[in-house]
Amino acid sequence: MARRSGRLSPELHDYIVAHGTGPDALLRELAAETAERFGDSAGMQIGPEQGTFMTLLARVSGARDAVEIGTFTGYSSICLARGVQGRMLCCDVSEEWTSVARRYWERAGLSDRIDLRLGPALETLRALPGDTRFDLAFIDADKSGYVGYWEELVPRVRPGGVLLADNTLWSYEVADESRQDEAVRAIRVFNDHAARDARVELVILPIGDGLTMARKLD
């Protein structure tokens, strides 16, 4: 089942998806296979309206090169790669998850534009040439690592470029102080960190599980 934005009813979510550019047959098949194979873990996959938003954002921003931290089975990378004009770097630690992504990248005609690196994403980023720059970055991996990913990526995003971070409302309970599990505490730390960062301007959008969108200042 696809993740729904916020606390929308199923009916309202279906209405929103139906009145936008929805996922094509390939993305629907990918979502279905992910749900069937990975059960509850399929909730890590972004929802269809978020995927459309990210494709549109990549297109209207004129992004050429993008990087994704946390690829899972490839839904978000397909959405982004369809919007960027150049290449995309994907970072993940799971061969099992990304083996699904590879199959769908091939079917989508995107394999020659996506570079998958398996291993800890911080190590991958730190190993990049010093002059590597991106127009768009998407963070959707382990929540305790968000601040570290952010600090590696902000200097590598070109002025005017975009950074996205997923799950930043955490089931829309991030402001509920009774929630003190490790993941929500990590999201609060990241949200505070990003909000204080003078290198960007940003907003948290109530789409999916909360999506932070930041613009690198000139």
Protein backbone atom coordinates (compact mmCIF):
# COMPACT_ATOMS: atom_id res chain seq x y z
CA MET A 1 0.00 0.00 0.00
CA ALA A 2 1.34 3.43 -0.93
CA ARG A 3 2.08 5.88 1.84
CA ARG A 4 -0.54 8.64 2.15
CA SER A 5 0.26 12.29 2.76
CA GLY A 6 -0.42 13.42 6.30
CA ARG A 7 -3.53 12.07 7.93
CA LEU A 8 -5.65 12.20 4.84
CA SER A 9 -8.52 9.79 4.56
CA PRO A 10 -8.07 7.10 1.92
CA GLU A 11 -10.83 8.76 -0.09
CA LEU A 12 -9.19 12.20 -0.07
CA HIS A 13 -5.80 10.72 -0.86
CA ASP A 14 -7.26 8.85 -3.81
CA TYR A 15 -8.91 12.08 -4.97
CA ILE A 16 -5.60 13.98 -4.83
CA VAL A 17 -3.77 11.29 -6.77
CA ALA A 18 -6.58 11.04 -9.32
CA HIS A 19 -6.51 14.79 -9.94
CA GLY A 20 -2.78 14.99 -10.55
CA THR A 21 -0.38 13.23 -12.86
CA GLY A 22 -0.40 9.78 -11.37
CA PRO A 23 2.18 7.00 -11.52
CA ASP A 24 2.49 5.12 -14.79
CA ALA A 25 2.15 1.35 -15.16
CA LEU A 26 5.84 0.74 -14.37
CA LEU A 27 5.72 2.66 -11.07
CA ARG A 28 2.48 0.97 -10.10
CA GLU A 29 4.04 -2.42 -10.78
CA LEU A 30 7.12 -1.49 -8.76
CA ALA A 31 4.96 -0.38 -5.82
CA ALA A 32 2.98 -3.61 -5.96
CA GLU A 33 6.10 -5.81 -6.10
CA THR A 34 7.67 -3.89 -3.22
CA ALA A 35 4.56 -4.39 -1.10
CA GLU A 36 4.38 -8.08 -1.93
CA ARG A 37 8.05 -8.84 -1.35
CA PHE A 38 8.91 -6.59 1.58
CA GLY A 39 5.68 -6.29 3.58
CA ASP A 40 5.80 -3.61 6.26
CA SER A 41 9.13 -2.34 4.93
CA ALA A 42 7.26 -1.16 1.83
CA GLY A 43 6.26 1.85 3.93
CA MET A 44 9.74 3.22 3.25
CA GLN A 45 8.68 3.84 -0.35
CA ILE A 46 7.43 7.33 -1.15
CA GLY A 47 3.80 7.79 -2.17
CA PRO A 48 2.60 8.56 -5.70
CA GLU A 49 1.83 12.24 -5.12
CA GLN A 50 5.30 12.79 -3.62
CA GLY A 51 6.86 11.03 -6.58
CA THR A 52 5.04 13.30 -9.02
CA PHE A 53 6.02 16.36 -6.99
CA MET A 54 9.69 15.37 -7.06
CA THR A 55 9.66 14.75 -10.81
CA LEU A 56 8.07 18.15 -11.40
CA LEU A 57 10.48 19.86 -9.01
CA ALA A 58 13.49 18.35 -10.78
CA ARG A 59 12.13 19.50 -14.13
CA VAL A 60 11.11 23.05 -13.21
CA SER A 61 14.38 23.63 -11.32
CA GLY A 62 16.38 22.61 -14.38
CA ALA A 63 18.43 20.17 -12.30
CA ARG A 64 21.12 18.32 -14.23
CA ASP A 65 22.86 16.17 -11.64
CA ALA A 66 21.19 14.62 -8.59
CA VAL A 67 22.12 12.43 -5.64
CA GLU A 68 19.89 10.20 -3.54
CA ILE A 69 20.76 8.87 -0.08
CA GLY A 70 18.61 5.79 0.49
CA THR A 71 17.29 4.16 -2.68
CA PHE A 72 15.30 1.15 -1.40
CA THR A 73 13.60 -0.48 -4.43
CA GLY A 74 13.95 2.49 -6.75
CA TYR A 75 10.62 4.34 -6.86
CA SER A 76 11.99 7.74 -5.83
CA SER A 77 15.10 7.39 -7.99
CA ILE A 78 12.95 6.76 -11.07
CA CYS A 79 10.85 9.82 -10.27
CA LEU A 80 13.92 12.01 -9.86
CA ALA A 81 15.86 10.58 -12.79
CA ARG A 82 12.91 11.26 -15.07
CA GLY A 83 13.08 14.92 -14.05
CA VAL A 84 16.80 15.65 -14.09
CA GLN A 85 18.56 16.39 -17.35
CA GLY A 86 21.82 14.62 -16.58
CA ARG A 87 23.00 11.84 -14.27
CA MET A 88 22.02 10.57 -10.86
CA LEU A 89 24.06 9.04 -8.05
CA CYS A 90 22.19 6.60 -5.78
CA CYS A 91 23.55 5.47 -2.41
CA ASP A 92 22.26 2.48 -0.45
CA VAL A 93 23.53 -0.40 1.67
CA SER A 94 21.21 -3.19 0.51
CA GLU A 95 21.91 -5.41 -2.48
CA GLU A 96 18.52 -7.09 -1.98
CA TRP A 97 16.50 -3.87 -2.20
CA THR A 98 18.53 -2.31 -4.99
CA SER A 99 18.46 -5.45 -7.11
CA VAL A 100 14.77 -4.64 -7.58
CA ALA A 101 15.66 -1.03 -8.37
CA ARG A 102 18.14 -2.12 -11.03
CA ARG A 103 15.51 -4.16 -12.86
CA TYR A 104 13.08 -1.27 -12.94
CA TRP A 105 15.75 1.26 -13.95
CA GLU A 106 16.49 -0.97 -16.92
CA ARG A 107 12.83 -1.20 -17.86
CA ALA A 108 12.44 2.57 -17.48
CA GLY A 109 15.39 3.20 -19.80
CA LEU A 110 17.34 4.92 -17.03
CA SER A 111 20.17 2.48 -16.28
CA ASP A 112 22.75 4.42 -18.26
CA ARG A 113 22.00 7.59 -16.27
CA ILE A 114 22.03 6.13 -12.75
CA ASP A 115 25.19 5.27 -10.82
CA LEU A 116 24.48 3.02 -7.82
CA ARG A 117 27.04 2.88 -5.02
CA LEU A 118 26.56 0.22 -2.34
CA GLY A 119 28.02 0.97 1.07
CA PRO A 120 27.70 3.56 3.84
CA ALA A 121 26.57 6.77 2.17
CA LEU A 122 28.88 9.03 4.19
CA GLU A 123 31.86 7.05 2.93
CA THR A 124 30.56 7.28 -0.64
CA LEU A 125 30.08 11.04 -0.41
CA ARG A 126 33.45 11.65 1.22
CA ALA A 127 35.17 9.60 -1.49
CA LEU A 128 33.80 11.78 -4.29
CA PRO A 129 36.20 14.17 -6.02
CA GLY A 130 36.32 17.50 -4.24
CA ASP A 131 34.81 19.37 -7.15
CA THR A 132 31.72 17.10 -7.47
CA ARG A 133 28.57 19.22 -7.41
CA PHE A 134 24.85 18.47 -7.56
CA ASP A 135 21.77 20.48 -8.45
CA LEU A 136 19.43 18.34 -6.37
CA ALA A 137 19.89 16.07 -3.36
CA PHE A 138 17.37 13.77 -1.69
CA ILE A 139 17.92 12.29 1.78
CA ASP A 140 15.77 9.29 2.74
CA ALA A 141 17.87 6.86 4.75
CA ASP A 142 18.64 6.15 8.43
CA LYS A 143 17.30 9.05 10.46
CA SER A 144 20.26 9.19 12.85
CA GLY A 145 22.46 9.90 9.84
CA TYR A 146 20.50 12.86 8.47
CA VAL A 147 22.68 15.59 10.01
CA GLY A 148 25.83 13.93 8.69
CA TYR A 149 24.38 13.56 5.20
CA TRP A 150 23.21 17.17 5.26
CA GLU A 151 26.64 18.44 6.22
CA GLU A 152 28.27 16.50 3.40
CA LEU A 153 25.68 17.54 0.83
CA VAL A 154 25.09 21.25 1.46
CA PRO A 155 28.63 22.21 0.34
CA ARG A 156 28.24 20.00 -2.74
CA VAL A 157 24.92 21.51 -3.87
CA ARG A 158 25.33 24.37 -6.29
CA PRO A 159 23.97 27.81 -5.30
CA GLY A 160 20.28 27.82 -6.17
CA GLY A 161 20.16 24.03 -5.97
CA VAL A 162 17.63 22.04 -3.95
CA LEU A 163 17.93 19.66 -1.03
CA LEU A 164 15.05 17.39 0.01
CA ALA A 165 14.79 15.38 3.22
CA ASP A 166 12.01 12.84 3.74
CA ASN A 167 10.05 11.84 6.87
CA THR A 168 10.60 15.16 8.63
CA LEU A 169 7.15 15.16 10.24
CA TRP A 170 7.49 11.50 11.31
CA SER A 171 3.91 10.24 11.08
CA TYR A 172 2.89 13.83 11.85
CA GLU A 173 3.88 13.27 15.47
CA VAL A 174 7.21 15.10 15.50
CA ALA A 175 5.77 17.83 17.75
CA ASP A 176 4.26 15.30 20.19
CA GLU A 177 6.67 15.33 23.11
CA SER A 178 5.26 12.03 24.37
CA ARG A 179 6.98 10.39 21.39
CA GLN A 180 10.56 9.78 22.46
CA ASP A 181 11.68 6.85 20.31
CA GLU A 182 15.10 7.06 18.70
CA ALA A 183 13.88 7.86 15.19
CA VAL A 184 11.64 10.78 16.15
CA ARG A 185 14.36 12.23 18.37
CA ALA A 186 16.78 12.03 15.44
CA ILE A 187 14.29 13.81 13.17
CA ARG A 188 13.85 16.59 15.74
CA VAL A 189 17.62 17.04 15.93
CA PHE A 190 17.83 17.21 12.14
CA ASN A 191 14.91 19.64 11.82
CA ASP A 192 16.49 21.97 14.40
CA HIS A 193 19.85 21.71 12.67
CA ALA A 194 18.47 22.46 9.21
CA ALA A 195 16.30 25.33 10.45
CA ARG A 196 19.41 27.03 11.92
CA ASP A 197 21.50 26.59 8.76
CA ALA A 198 22.20 30.04 7.31
CA ARG A 199 23.35 28.49 4.01
CA VAL A 200 19.78 27.63 2.97
CA GLU A 201 16.18 28.75 3.03
CA LEU A 202 13.67 25.99 3.64
CA VAL A 203 10.14 24.81 4.33
CA ILE A 204 8.66 21.57 5.64
CA LEU A 205 5.87 20.45 3.32
CA PRO A 206 3.00 18.26 4.58
CA ILE A 207 3.38 15.77 1.76
CA GLY A 208 4.01 12.10 2.35
CA ASP A 209 5.54 11.74 5.82
CA GLY A 210 6.77 15.34 5.74
CA LEU A 211 9.23 16.60 3.14
CA THR A 212 11.77 19.33 3.87
CA MET A 213 12.64 21.37 0.78
CA ALA A 214 15.63 23.69 1.00
CA ARG A 215 17.25 26.04 -1.50
CA LYS A 216 21.00 26.60 -1.29
CA LEU A 217 21.53 30.34 -1.06
CA ASP A 218 23.64 32.12 -3.66
